[in-house]
N, C-alpha and C. Protein backbone atom coordinates (compact mmCIF):
# COMPACT_ATOMS: atom_id res chain seq x y z
N MET A 1 237.40 208.51 -113.12
CA MET A 1 238.19 209.25 -112.16
C MET A 1 238.82 208.27 -111.16
N THR A 2 240.07 208.47 -110.87
CA THR A 2 240.76 207.56 -109.93
C THR A 2 240.26 207.79 -108.52
N GLN A 3 240.47 206.77 -107.71
CA GLN A 3 240.04 206.84 -106.32
C GLN A 3 240.77 207.96 -105.58
N ALA A 4 242.06 208.12 -105.84
CA ALA A 4 242.83 209.17 -105.17
C ALA A 4 242.29 210.56 -105.51
N LEU A 5 241.94 210.76 -106.79
CA LEU A 5 241.41 212.07 -107.21
C LEU A 5 240.06 212.31 -106.54
N GLU A 6 239.19 211.27 -106.47
CA GLU A 6 237.90 211.44 -105.82
C GLU A 6 238.09 211.82 -104.36
N GLN A 7 239.01 211.15 -103.65
CA GLN A 7 239.27 211.46 -102.25
C GLN A 7 239.75 212.90 -102.10
N THR A 8 240.65 213.34 -102.99
CA THR A 8 241.19 214.66 -102.91
C THR A 8 240.07 215.71 -103.11
N GLN A 9 239.18 215.46 -104.07
CA GLN A 9 238.08 216.40 -104.29
C GLN A 9 237.13 216.45 -103.10
N THR A 10 236.92 215.30 -102.48
CA THR A 10 236.04 215.25 -101.32
C THR A 10 236.64 216.05 -100.16
N ILE A 11 237.93 215.92 -99.96
CA ILE A 11 238.59 216.60 -98.87
C ILE A 11 238.63 218.12 -99.16
N ALA A 12 238.79 218.49 -100.42
CA ALA A 12 238.91 219.91 -100.77
C ALA A 12 237.58 220.64 -100.69
N ARG A 13 236.45 219.95 -100.78
CA ARG A 13 235.16 220.64 -100.70
C ARG A 13 234.93 221.15 -99.29
N PRO A 14 234.41 222.38 -99.17
CA PRO A 14 234.10 222.86 -97.81
C PRO A 14 232.95 222.01 -97.27
N ARG A 15 233.12 221.65 -95.98
CA ARG A 15 232.07 220.83 -95.30
C ARG A 15 231.33 221.69 -94.34
N GLU A 16 230.09 221.92 -94.64
CA GLU A 16 229.24 222.60 -93.67
C GLU A 16 228.13 221.66 -93.28
N ASP A 17 228.50 220.44 -92.98
CA ASP A 17 227.53 219.43 -92.53
C ASP A 17 227.13 219.65 -91.10
N LEU A 18 227.88 220.47 -90.40
CA LEU A 18 227.59 220.78 -88.99
C LEU A 18 227.28 222.26 -88.84
N LEU A 19 226.33 222.55 -87.97
CA LEU A 19 226.05 223.93 -87.59
C LEU A 19 226.43 224.13 -86.15
N ALA A 20 227.23 225.14 -85.88
CA ALA A 20 227.61 225.51 -84.53
C ALA A 20 226.96 226.83 -84.20
N VAL A 21 226.25 226.87 -83.08
CA VAL A 21 225.58 228.08 -82.62
C VAL A 21 226.19 228.43 -81.23
N ALA A 22 226.67 229.65 -81.14
CA ALA A 22 227.19 230.16 -79.87
C ALA A 22 226.21 231.18 -79.30
N ILE A 23 225.94 231.04 -78.00
CA ILE A 23 225.04 231.95 -77.34
C ILE A 23 225.87 232.78 -76.39
N SER A 24 225.92 234.09 -76.65
CA SER A 24 226.64 235.00 -75.78
C SER A 24 225.70 235.49 -74.71
N GLY A 25 226.04 235.22 -73.44
CA GLY A 25 225.19 235.58 -72.35
C GLY A 25 225.67 236.79 -71.57
N SER A 26 226.54 237.59 -72.19
CA SER A 26 227.00 238.79 -71.52
C SER A 26 226.00 239.95 -71.70
N PRO A 27 225.66 240.62 -70.64
CA PRO A 27 224.78 241.77 -70.78
C PRO A 27 225.49 243.05 -71.23
N ARG A 28 226.81 242.97 -71.39
CA ARG A 28 227.60 244.14 -71.71
C ARG A 28 228.38 243.96 -73.03
N ALA A 29 228.73 245.09 -73.59
CA ALA A 29 229.62 245.09 -74.76
C ALA A 29 230.63 246.22 -74.59
N PRO A 30 231.89 246.01 -74.90
CA PRO A 30 232.46 244.77 -75.34
C PRO A 30 232.50 243.76 -74.19
N SER A 31 232.71 242.51 -74.55
CA SER A 31 232.69 241.44 -73.60
C SER A 31 233.75 240.39 -73.95
N LYS A 32 234.56 240.02 -72.94
CA LYS A 32 235.57 238.99 -73.17
C LYS A 32 234.91 237.65 -73.44
N SER A 33 233.81 237.39 -72.77
CA SER A 33 233.15 236.11 -73.00
C SER A 33 232.56 236.03 -74.41
N LYS A 34 232.03 237.11 -74.87
CA LYS A 34 231.52 237.14 -76.28
C LYS A 34 232.70 237.00 -77.24
N THR A 35 233.82 237.61 -76.95
CA THR A 35 235.02 237.46 -77.78
C THR A 35 235.42 235.99 -77.86
N LEU A 36 235.37 235.30 -76.70
CA LEU A 36 235.72 233.84 -76.70
C LEU A 36 234.79 233.09 -77.61
N ALA A 37 233.48 233.39 -77.54
CA ALA A 37 232.50 232.71 -78.37
C ALA A 37 232.79 232.97 -79.85
N GLU A 38 233.07 234.23 -80.17
CA GLU A 38 233.38 234.57 -81.56
C GLU A 38 234.64 233.85 -82.05
N ARG A 39 235.68 233.75 -81.19
CA ARG A 39 236.91 233.08 -81.61
C ARG A 39 236.70 231.58 -81.76
N LEU A 40 235.88 230.98 -80.87
CA LEU A 40 235.61 229.57 -81.03
C LEU A 40 234.78 229.31 -82.28
N LEU A 41 233.83 230.16 -82.59
CA LEU A 41 233.09 230.05 -83.85
C LEU A 41 233.99 230.17 -85.05
N ALA A 42 234.98 231.07 -84.98
CA ALA A 42 235.92 231.19 -86.10
C ALA A 42 236.71 229.89 -86.29
N GLU A 43 237.15 229.28 -85.15
CA GLU A 43 237.89 228.01 -85.26
C GLU A 43 236.97 226.92 -85.82
N LEU A 44 235.73 226.87 -85.38
CA LEU A 44 234.79 225.90 -85.91
C LEU A 44 234.50 226.12 -87.38
N GLY A 45 234.42 227.37 -87.77
CA GLY A 45 234.22 227.70 -89.20
C GLY A 45 235.39 227.25 -90.02
N ALA A 46 236.60 227.43 -89.50
CA ALA A 46 237.79 226.98 -90.25
C ALA A 46 237.82 225.46 -90.39
N LEU A 47 237.12 224.79 -89.52
CA LEU A 47 237.05 223.30 -89.60
C LEU A 47 235.83 222.83 -90.42
N GLY A 48 235.16 223.79 -91.04
CA GLY A 48 234.09 223.44 -91.99
C GLY A 48 232.68 223.53 -91.44
N CYS A 49 232.49 224.07 -90.26
CA CYS A 49 231.16 224.21 -89.69
C CYS A 49 230.51 225.52 -90.17
N GLY A 50 229.22 225.44 -90.33
CA GLY A 50 228.43 226.70 -90.47
C GLY A 50 228.35 227.27 -89.06
N THR A 51 228.29 228.56 -88.91
CA THR A 51 228.30 229.17 -87.59
C THR A 51 227.25 230.27 -87.48
N GLN A 52 226.82 230.46 -86.24
CA GLN A 52 225.87 231.53 -85.93
C GLN A 52 226.06 231.96 -84.48
N LEU A 53 226.04 233.27 -84.25
CA LEU A 53 226.19 233.86 -82.91
C LEU A 53 224.84 234.42 -82.53
N ILE A 54 224.38 234.06 -81.32
CA ILE A 54 223.17 234.63 -80.74
C ILE A 54 223.64 235.50 -79.56
N ASP A 55 223.40 236.76 -79.63
CA ASP A 55 223.74 237.72 -78.53
C ASP A 55 222.48 237.94 -77.72
N VAL A 56 222.36 237.27 -76.59
CA VAL A 56 221.16 237.35 -75.80
C VAL A 56 220.86 238.74 -75.34
N ALA A 57 221.89 239.56 -75.13
CA ALA A 57 221.67 240.95 -74.69
C ALA A 57 220.92 241.78 -75.74
N LEU A 58 220.94 241.35 -76.98
CA LEU A 58 220.27 242.10 -78.04
C LEU A 58 218.83 241.59 -78.27
N LEU A 59 218.45 240.50 -77.61
CA LEU A 59 217.08 240.01 -77.72
C LEU A 59 216.12 240.87 -76.86
N PRO A 60 214.86 240.93 -77.22
CA PRO A 60 213.89 241.75 -76.45
C PRO A 60 213.75 241.20 -75.01
N ALA A 61 214.05 242.06 -74.05
CA ALA A 61 214.07 241.67 -72.62
C ALA A 61 212.69 241.15 -72.17
N GLU A 62 211.66 241.78 -72.63
CA GLU A 62 210.29 241.35 -72.23
C GLU A 62 209.99 239.91 -72.63
N ALA A 63 210.54 239.49 -73.76
CA ALA A 63 210.32 238.12 -74.21
C ALA A 63 211.21 237.14 -73.40
N LEU A 64 212.36 237.59 -72.98
CA LEU A 64 213.26 236.70 -72.20
C LEU A 64 212.65 236.39 -70.83
N VAL A 65 211.80 237.29 -70.29
CA VAL A 65 211.19 237.05 -69.00
C VAL A 65 209.71 236.66 -69.19
N VAL A 66 209.36 236.26 -70.38
CA VAL A 66 208.05 235.70 -70.73
C VAL A 66 206.89 236.70 -70.47
N ARG A 67 207.14 237.97 -70.69
CA ARG A 67 206.12 238.98 -70.60
C ARG A 67 205.52 239.34 -71.92
N ALA A 68 206.21 238.89 -72.97
CA ALA A 68 205.78 239.19 -74.35
C ALA A 68 206.36 238.14 -75.28
N GLU A 69 205.77 238.08 -76.46
CA GLU A 69 206.28 237.19 -77.51
C GLU A 69 207.21 238.03 -78.39
N ALA A 70 208.24 237.39 -78.93
CA ALA A 70 209.15 238.09 -79.83
C ALA A 70 209.69 237.06 -80.86
N PRO A 71 209.49 237.36 -82.14
CA PRO A 71 209.96 236.40 -83.13
C PRO A 71 211.50 236.22 -83.07
N GLU A 72 212.23 237.23 -82.63
CA GLU A 72 213.68 237.12 -82.56
C GLU A 72 214.10 236.01 -81.58
N VAL A 73 213.36 235.96 -80.45
CA VAL A 73 213.67 234.90 -79.45
C VAL A 73 213.31 233.53 -79.98
N ASN A 74 212.13 233.42 -80.62
CA ASN A 74 211.74 232.12 -81.20
C ASN A 74 212.72 231.69 -82.26
N GLU A 75 213.20 232.60 -83.10
CA GLU A 75 214.18 232.27 -84.14
C GLU A 75 215.50 231.84 -83.53
N ALA A 76 215.90 232.48 -82.47
CA ALA A 76 217.16 232.10 -81.78
C ALA A 76 217.06 230.68 -81.20
N ILE A 77 215.93 230.37 -80.58
CA ILE A 77 215.72 229.06 -80.00
C ILE A 77 215.68 228.01 -81.10
N GLU A 78 215.04 228.33 -82.23
CA GLU A 78 215.02 227.40 -83.36
C GLU A 78 216.40 227.18 -83.92
N ALA A 79 217.23 228.21 -83.97
CA ALA A 79 218.62 228.07 -84.46
C ALA A 79 219.39 227.09 -83.56
N VAL A 80 219.20 227.19 -82.27
CA VAL A 80 219.85 226.27 -81.35
C VAL A 80 219.36 224.83 -81.62
N GLY A 81 218.07 224.70 -81.91
CA GLY A 81 217.53 223.39 -82.22
C GLY A 81 218.08 222.75 -83.47
N ARG A 82 218.46 223.57 -84.44
CA ARG A 82 219.03 223.06 -85.69
C ARG A 82 220.51 222.70 -85.56
N ALA A 83 221.18 223.22 -84.58
CA ALA A 83 222.64 223.06 -84.41
C ALA A 83 222.99 221.67 -83.94
N GLN A 84 224.19 221.26 -84.32
CA GLN A 84 224.77 220.02 -83.76
C GLN A 84 225.76 220.35 -82.64
N ILE A 85 226.27 221.61 -82.67
CA ILE A 85 227.23 222.07 -81.66
C ILE A 85 226.63 223.33 -81.03
N VAL A 86 226.55 223.33 -79.72
CA VAL A 86 225.99 224.49 -78.99
C VAL A 86 227.05 224.98 -78.01
N VAL A 87 227.33 226.25 -78.07
CA VAL A 87 228.33 226.91 -77.19
C VAL A 87 227.60 227.97 -76.38
N ALA A 88 227.82 228.00 -75.10
CA ALA A 88 227.29 229.06 -74.25
C ALA A 88 228.45 229.78 -73.61
N SER A 89 228.46 231.11 -73.72
CA SER A 89 229.54 231.89 -73.11
C SER A 89 228.96 232.93 -72.17
N SER A 90 229.66 233.16 -71.08
CA SER A 90 229.17 234.07 -70.06
C SER A 90 230.29 234.57 -69.23
N PRO A 91 230.20 235.84 -68.79
CA PRO A 91 231.09 236.26 -67.71
C PRO A 91 230.60 235.57 -66.43
N THR A 92 231.46 235.47 -65.46
CA THR A 92 231.08 234.87 -64.19
C THR A 92 230.45 235.94 -63.28
N TYR A 93 229.19 235.65 -62.90
CA TYR A 93 228.44 236.53 -61.99
C TYR A 93 228.05 235.69 -60.79
N ARG A 94 228.45 236.14 -59.64
CA ARG A 94 228.10 235.43 -58.39
C ARG A 94 228.52 233.94 -58.46
N ALA A 95 229.69 233.71 -59.01
CA ALA A 95 230.28 232.37 -59.15
C ALA A 95 229.53 231.45 -60.12
N LEU A 96 228.72 232.04 -61.00
CA LEU A 96 227.96 231.27 -61.96
C LEU A 96 227.85 232.04 -63.28
N TYR A 97 226.94 231.69 -64.11
CA TYR A 97 226.71 232.40 -65.39
C TYR A 97 225.67 233.52 -65.14
N THR A 98 225.44 234.33 -66.16
CA THR A 98 224.54 235.48 -65.99
C THR A 98 223.10 235.05 -66.00
N GLY A 99 222.25 235.90 -65.41
CA GLY A 99 220.83 235.70 -65.38
C GLY A 99 220.20 235.75 -66.74
N VAL A 100 220.72 236.60 -67.62
CA VAL A 100 220.14 236.75 -68.98
C VAL A 100 220.40 235.45 -69.75
N LEU A 101 221.51 234.81 -69.54
CA LEU A 101 221.77 233.52 -70.20
C LEU A 101 220.80 232.48 -69.66
N LYS A 102 220.60 232.46 -68.36
CA LYS A 102 219.65 231.51 -67.75
C LYS A 102 218.25 231.73 -68.28
N CYS A 103 217.83 232.97 -68.41
CA CYS A 103 216.48 233.27 -68.95
C CYS A 103 216.32 232.67 -70.33
N PHE A 104 217.32 232.81 -71.17
CA PHE A 104 217.27 232.26 -72.54
C PHE A 104 217.14 230.76 -72.54
N PHE A 105 217.95 230.08 -71.72
CA PHE A 105 217.90 228.63 -71.65
C PHE A 105 216.57 228.14 -71.06
N ASP A 106 216.03 228.92 -70.14
CA ASP A 106 214.74 228.55 -69.53
C ASP A 106 213.61 228.52 -70.54
N LEU A 107 213.76 229.18 -71.65
CA LEU A 107 212.69 229.22 -72.66
C LEU A 107 212.74 228.01 -73.60
N MET A 108 213.82 227.24 -73.55
CA MET A 108 213.95 226.09 -74.45
C MET A 108 213.09 224.93 -73.92
N PRO A 109 212.50 224.22 -74.89
CA PRO A 109 211.73 223.03 -74.48
C PRO A 109 212.62 221.92 -73.94
N LEU A 110 212.04 221.04 -73.16
CA LEU A 110 212.79 219.89 -72.62
C LEU A 110 213.44 219.15 -73.76
N GLU A 111 214.61 218.63 -73.52
CA GLU A 111 215.39 217.82 -74.49
C GLU A 111 215.75 218.62 -75.77
N HIS A 112 215.73 219.96 -75.67
CA HIS A 112 216.05 220.77 -76.84
C HIS A 112 217.51 220.56 -77.29
N LEU A 113 218.38 220.17 -76.38
CA LEU A 113 219.77 219.98 -76.72
C LEU A 113 220.15 218.49 -76.94
N ALA A 114 219.14 217.63 -76.98
CA ALA A 114 219.39 216.21 -77.16
C ALA A 114 220.18 215.98 -78.46
N GLY A 115 221.27 215.18 -78.34
CA GLY A 115 222.09 214.86 -79.48
C GLY A 115 223.08 215.94 -79.87
N LYS A 116 223.15 217.02 -79.10
CA LYS A 116 224.03 218.12 -79.40
C LYS A 116 225.29 218.07 -78.52
N VAL A 117 226.41 218.39 -79.13
CA VAL A 117 227.65 218.50 -78.35
C VAL A 117 227.70 219.95 -77.84
N CYS A 118 227.97 220.08 -76.57
CA CYS A 118 227.90 221.40 -75.91
C CYS A 118 229.25 221.81 -75.30
N VAL A 119 229.54 223.12 -75.39
CA VAL A 119 230.77 223.68 -74.86
C VAL A 119 230.40 224.88 -74.00
N GLY A 120 230.98 224.94 -72.81
CA GLY A 120 230.80 226.12 -71.96
C GLY A 120 232.03 226.97 -71.93
N LEU A 121 231.84 228.28 -72.06
CA LEU A 121 232.94 229.24 -71.99
C LEU A 121 232.58 230.26 -70.93
N GLN A 122 233.49 230.52 -69.98
CA GLN A 122 233.28 231.51 -69.01
C GLN A 122 234.55 232.34 -68.78
N THR A 123 234.32 233.57 -68.46
CA THR A 123 235.43 234.50 -68.13
C THR A 123 235.24 235.00 -66.71
N GLY A 124 236.34 235.37 -66.12
CA GLY A 124 236.26 235.94 -64.78
C GLY A 124 237.58 236.46 -64.29
N ILE A 125 237.59 237.01 -63.11
CA ILE A 125 238.81 237.59 -62.54
C ILE A 125 239.45 236.73 -61.50
N ALA A 126 238.69 235.78 -60.91
CA ALA A 126 239.18 235.02 -59.77
C ALA A 126 239.49 233.56 -60.15
N PRO A 127 240.66 233.11 -59.81
CA PRO A 127 240.98 231.71 -60.08
C PRO A 127 240.08 230.74 -59.33
N GLN A 128 239.49 231.22 -58.23
CA GLN A 128 238.58 230.36 -57.45
C GLN A 128 237.32 229.97 -58.22
N HIS A 129 237.01 230.68 -59.29
CA HIS A 129 235.79 230.39 -60.06
C HIS A 129 236.07 229.52 -61.28
N ALA A 130 237.28 228.94 -61.35
CA ALA A 130 237.65 228.13 -62.52
C ALA A 130 236.75 226.93 -62.75
N LEU A 131 236.12 226.46 -61.72
CA LEU A 131 235.21 225.31 -61.86
C LEU A 131 233.80 225.74 -62.22
N SER A 132 233.56 227.01 -62.29
CA SER A 132 232.21 227.50 -62.57
C SER A 132 231.58 226.91 -63.83
N PRO A 133 232.27 226.79 -64.96
CA PRO A 133 231.63 226.17 -66.12
C PRO A 133 231.27 224.71 -65.87
N GLU A 134 232.05 224.04 -65.03
CA GLU A 134 231.79 222.65 -64.69
C GLU A 134 230.54 222.48 -63.84
N TYR A 135 230.40 223.30 -62.81
CA TYR A 135 229.23 223.11 -61.94
C TYR A 135 228.04 223.96 -62.33
N GLY A 136 228.21 224.80 -63.35
CA GLY A 136 227.10 225.63 -63.80
C GLY A 136 226.61 225.24 -65.20
N LEU A 137 227.50 225.41 -66.16
CA LEU A 137 227.08 225.19 -67.55
C LEU A 137 226.87 223.71 -67.90
N ARG A 138 227.71 222.84 -67.37
CA ARG A 138 227.52 221.41 -67.66
C ARG A 138 226.15 220.92 -67.26
N PRO A 139 225.74 221.18 -66.01
CA PRO A 139 224.39 220.77 -65.63
C PRO A 139 223.27 221.47 -66.40
N LEU A 140 223.51 222.71 -66.80
CA LEU A 140 222.53 223.41 -67.61
C LEU A 140 222.32 222.68 -68.93
N PHE A 141 223.42 222.35 -69.60
CA PHE A 141 223.33 221.60 -70.86
C PHE A 141 222.64 220.25 -70.64
N ALA A 142 223.08 219.52 -69.64
CA ALA A 142 222.55 218.20 -69.39
C ALA A 142 221.07 218.25 -69.07
N SER A 143 220.59 219.32 -68.42
CA SER A 143 219.20 219.40 -68.08
C SER A 143 218.30 219.50 -69.30
N LEU A 144 218.86 219.87 -70.43
CA LEU A 144 218.09 219.93 -71.68
C LEU A 144 218.49 218.80 -72.64
N GLY A 145 219.18 217.79 -72.11
CA GLY A 145 219.52 216.62 -72.92
C GLY A 145 220.83 216.74 -73.69
N GLY A 146 221.54 217.83 -73.57
CA GLY A 146 222.81 218.01 -74.29
C GLY A 146 223.94 217.18 -73.73
N THR A 147 224.98 217.06 -74.52
CA THR A 147 226.19 216.32 -74.10
C THR A 147 227.30 217.33 -73.89
N PRO A 148 227.57 217.70 -72.62
CA PRO A 148 228.65 218.63 -72.34
C PRO A 148 230.00 217.95 -72.63
N LEU A 149 230.76 218.55 -73.55
CA LEU A 149 232.00 217.92 -73.95
C LEU A 149 233.21 218.66 -73.40
N ALA A 150 233.13 219.97 -73.35
CA ALA A 150 234.33 220.75 -72.96
C ALA A 150 233.88 222.03 -72.29
N ALA A 151 234.78 222.59 -71.51
CA ALA A 151 234.53 223.87 -70.88
C ALA A 151 235.88 224.59 -70.73
N ILE A 152 235.82 225.90 -70.92
CA ILE A 152 237.01 226.75 -70.76
C ILE A 152 236.63 227.87 -69.83
N TYR A 153 237.46 228.07 -68.84
CA TYR A 153 237.37 229.22 -67.95
C TYR A 153 238.61 230.08 -68.22
N ALA A 154 238.40 231.30 -68.63
CA ALA A 154 239.51 232.21 -68.98
C ALA A 154 239.50 233.40 -68.02
N MET A 155 240.63 233.69 -67.48
CA MET A 155 240.75 234.83 -66.58
C MET A 155 241.09 236.08 -67.37
N ASP A 156 240.76 237.20 -66.80
CA ASP A 156 241.02 238.49 -67.47
C ASP A 156 242.48 238.60 -67.85
N SER A 157 243.38 238.03 -67.07
CA SER A 157 244.80 238.08 -67.36
C SER A 157 245.17 237.33 -68.63
N GLU A 158 244.25 236.56 -69.19
CA GLU A 158 244.54 235.82 -70.42
C GLU A 158 244.11 236.58 -71.68
N PHE A 159 243.84 237.88 -71.49
CA PHE A 159 243.47 238.76 -72.60
C PHE A 159 244.41 239.95 -72.60
N VAL A 160 244.79 240.37 -73.78
CA VAL A 160 245.60 241.57 -73.96
C VAL A 160 244.84 242.47 -74.92
N GLU A 161 244.50 243.67 -74.47
CA GLU A 161 243.71 244.59 -75.27
C GLU A 161 242.44 243.94 -75.83
N GLY A 162 241.79 243.13 -74.94
CA GLY A 162 240.52 242.52 -75.32
C GLY A 162 240.62 241.23 -76.14
N GLU A 163 241.82 240.84 -76.49
CA GLU A 163 242.02 239.64 -77.32
C GLU A 163 242.70 238.54 -76.53
N PRO A 164 242.31 237.27 -76.81
CA PRO A 164 242.91 236.15 -76.10
C PRO A 164 244.42 236.03 -76.41
N VAL A 165 245.20 235.70 -75.37
CA VAL A 165 246.61 235.46 -75.57
C VAL A 165 246.81 234.16 -76.33
N ALA A 166 248.01 233.87 -76.81
CA ALA A 166 248.28 232.70 -77.64
C ALA A 166 247.89 231.41 -76.93
N ALA A 167 248.17 231.26 -75.66
CA ALA A 167 247.87 230.02 -74.96
C ALA A 167 246.34 229.79 -74.90
N LEU A 168 245.55 230.82 -74.68
CA LEU A 168 244.13 230.70 -74.68
C LEU A 168 243.60 230.38 -76.07
N SER A 169 244.16 231.03 -77.06
CA SER A 169 243.78 230.69 -78.45
C SER A 169 244.06 229.25 -78.78
N GLY A 170 245.19 228.73 -78.28
CA GLY A 170 245.48 227.31 -78.47
C GLY A 170 244.46 226.40 -77.84
N ARG A 171 244.00 226.78 -76.66
CA ARG A 171 242.96 226.00 -75.95
C ARG A 171 241.66 225.99 -76.78
N LEU A 172 241.33 227.12 -77.36
CA LEU A 172 240.11 227.23 -78.18
C LEU A 172 240.24 226.35 -79.42
N GLN A 173 241.45 226.33 -80.06
CA GLN A 173 241.67 225.47 -81.22
C GLN A 173 241.52 224.01 -80.88
N ALA A 174 242.08 223.59 -79.73
CA ALA A 174 242.00 222.20 -79.32
C ALA A 174 240.55 221.78 -79.04
N VAL A 175 239.79 222.66 -78.39
CA VAL A 175 238.38 222.38 -78.12
C VAL A 175 237.60 222.29 -79.40
N ALA A 176 237.86 223.18 -80.35
CA ALA A 176 237.15 223.17 -81.64
C ALA A 176 237.38 221.83 -82.33
N ARG A 177 238.60 221.36 -82.38
CA ARG A 177 238.89 220.06 -83.04
C ARG A 177 238.16 218.91 -82.35
N ALA A 178 238.22 218.91 -81.02
CA ALA A 178 237.56 217.82 -80.24
C ALA A 178 236.06 217.82 -80.44
N VAL A 179 235.47 219.03 -80.47
CA VAL A 179 234.01 219.17 -80.62
C VAL A 179 233.58 218.72 -82.00
N VAL A 180 234.29 219.12 -83.04
CA VAL A 180 233.94 218.75 -84.40
C VAL A 180 234.07 217.24 -84.56
N ASP A 181 235.13 216.65 -84.03
CA ASP A 181 235.30 215.17 -84.11
C ASP A 181 234.14 214.48 -83.42
N ALA A 182 233.77 214.96 -82.24
CA ALA A 182 232.65 214.33 -81.48
C ALA A 182 231.33 214.51 -82.21
N ALA A 183 231.08 215.67 -82.75
CA ALA A 183 229.82 215.94 -83.43
C ALA A 183 229.72 215.11 -84.72
N ARG A 184 230.82 214.95 -85.42
CA ARG A 184 230.77 214.16 -86.64
C ARG A 184 230.65 212.66 -86.36
N ALA A 185 231.21 212.24 -85.22
CA ALA A 185 231.13 210.82 -84.83
C ALA A 185 229.75 210.50 -84.27
N GLY A 186 229.08 211.52 -83.71
CA GLY A 186 227.81 211.33 -83.03
C GLY A 186 226.71 210.98 -83.87
């Protein structure tokens, strides 16, 4: 087989050498922040990543506040541990992320995100909260050893009928490419 043919076959094979896990921290459905997570996972999937969505609102509440054990919560935390790319999405509550998202991250062992490329996604109505993913989600990732690479804050005005407008979709595509490149280089 010629070298050119070997290279072509290698490029043509789907690459699922990376797993991307998105954690939706919205307590409500439908949710623009969950939609952002789903769209970013779709972009990552198109770039050859395996993907998984964890909807924290669907996990047993008693387990999230450490009042009970739940295999679903343990499985979700294990999925995050297997991932090379971790995405957290949340609506903006009190200028930060939701409490239910914080509860989930609080259950992770120290250094659980070590070696993982992390992306923060937040939605909100006020332009004053645009830095929220930077001062909220970045430190959250770093506290568990993760490498925060990118963050997107999307305002409600960047959605039409619940879907991201073209400019926001373009930002998601750019972040997906950057994250995959970083994760593969890492």
